[in-house]
Protein backbone atom coordinates (compact mmCIF):
# COMPACT_ATOMS: atom_id res chain seq x y z
CA MET A 1 8.21 5.55 -2.20
CA PRO A 2 6.85 8.11 -0.62
CA THR A 3 4.72 11.24 -1.95
CA TYR A 4 6.43 14.87 -0.93
CA ASP A 5 4.80 18.21 -1.09
CA TYR A 6 6.81 20.79 -3.35
CA ARG A 7 6.03 24.85 -3.69
CA CYS A 8 7.67 26.93 -5.86
CA GLU A 9 9.01 30.45 -5.40
CA LYS A 10 5.91 31.88 -7.45
CA GLY A 11 3.79 29.82 -5.24
CA HIS A 12 2.70 27.03 -7.37
CA ARG A 13 2.29 23.87 -5.33
CA TYR A 14 2.44 20.39 -6.09
CA GLU A 15 2.99 16.79 -5.17
CA LYS A 16 5.85 14.61 -6.42
CA ARG A 17 6.45 11.10 -6.01
CA GLU A 18 10.31 10.31 -5.41
CA PRO A 19 12.60 8.28 -3.56
CA PHE A 20 13.98 8.76 -0.12
CA GLY A 21 17.51 10.02 -0.99
CA SER A 22 15.96 12.61 -3.78
CA PRO A 23 17.16 16.19 -3.64
CA THR A 24 14.82 18.42 -1.39
CA GLU A 25 15.23 21.30 -4.27
CA HIS A 26 14.37 20.86 -8.11
CA PRO A 27 13.00 23.00 -11.13
CA CYS A 28 9.03 23.64 -10.71
CA ASP A 29 7.23 21.54 -13.15
CA LYS A 30 4.98 24.37 -14.35
CA CYS A 31 7.34 27.61 -14.16
CA GLY A 32 10.77 26.10 -13.96
CA LYS A 33 11.83 28.36 -10.45
CA THR A 34 13.20 26.85 -8.00
CA ALA A 35 10.84 24.37 -5.69
CA SER A 36 11.47 23.28 -2.11
CA ARG A 37 10.42 20.45 -0.49
CA GLN A 38 7.57 21.06 2.27
CA LEU A 39 6.87 19.92 5.23
CA SER A 40 3.38 17.52 5.45
CA VAL A 41 1.69 15.53 8.10
CA PRO A 42 2.21 11.94 7.03
CA SER A 43 -1.10 9.46 6.16
CA LEU A 44 -1.51 6.92 9.01
CA ALA A 45 -4.16 4.40 9.17
CA PHE A 46 -4.47 1.85 12.02
CA LYS A 47 -6.33 -1.53 10.21
CA GLY A 48 -7.21 -4.49 12.08
CA SER A 49 -7.74 -5.50 15.30
CA GLY A 50 -5.45 -5.26 18.42
CA PHE A 51 -5.43 -1.40 18.47
CA TYR A 52 -7.28 -0.94 21.18
CA ILE A 53 -7.18 -2.03 25.20
CA THR A 54 -10.37 -4.68 24.76
CA ASP A 55 -8.98 -6.01 21.60
CA SER A 56 -5.65 -7.48 23.06
CA ARG A 57 -6.61 -9.28 25.98
CA LYS A 58 -8.46 -12.40 25.88
CA LYS A 59 -12.09 -13.52 26.06
CA SER A 60 -13.12 -15.87 29.03
CA GLY A 61 -13.51 -19.09 26.42
CA ASP A 62 -10.52 -18.40 24.47
CA GLY A 63 -8.07 -20.67 26.55
CA SER A 64 -7.76 -18.58 29.93
CA SER A 65 -8.25 -21.34 31.93
CA SER A 66 -4.77 -23.12 30.40
CA SER A 67 -2.82 -19.77 31.22
CA SER A 68 -4.19 -19.79 35.16
CA SER A 69 -3.45 -23.78 35.46
CA ASP A 70 0.18 -22.83 34.08
CA SER A 71 0.43 -19.84 36.86
CA SER A 72 -0.90 -22.33 39.64
CA SER A 73 1.68 -25.12 38.55
CA SER A 74 4.66 -22.37 38.64
CA SER A 75 3.41 -20.94 42.15
CA SER A 76 3.11 -24.53 43.67
CA SER A 77 6.69 -25.75 42.68
CA SER A 78 8.11 -22.84 44.18
CA ASP A 79 6.76 -23.93 47.62
């Protein structure tokens, strides 16, 4: 479930964890006035390898010779 930021008419701000289909307005937890959902930047974290251009390329010792032999056999069959 995502966490949403809310702000009421009096200026109270708070976060609330709710499902996607929840209403965008409800009573404030602190004063009872109408609180509405605020737009915010989602948190995003890239973890692991493969996010940089250098991570997606194969290293010279990791089977690059097998891919070159496959391409040479396919080019010789088309002659």
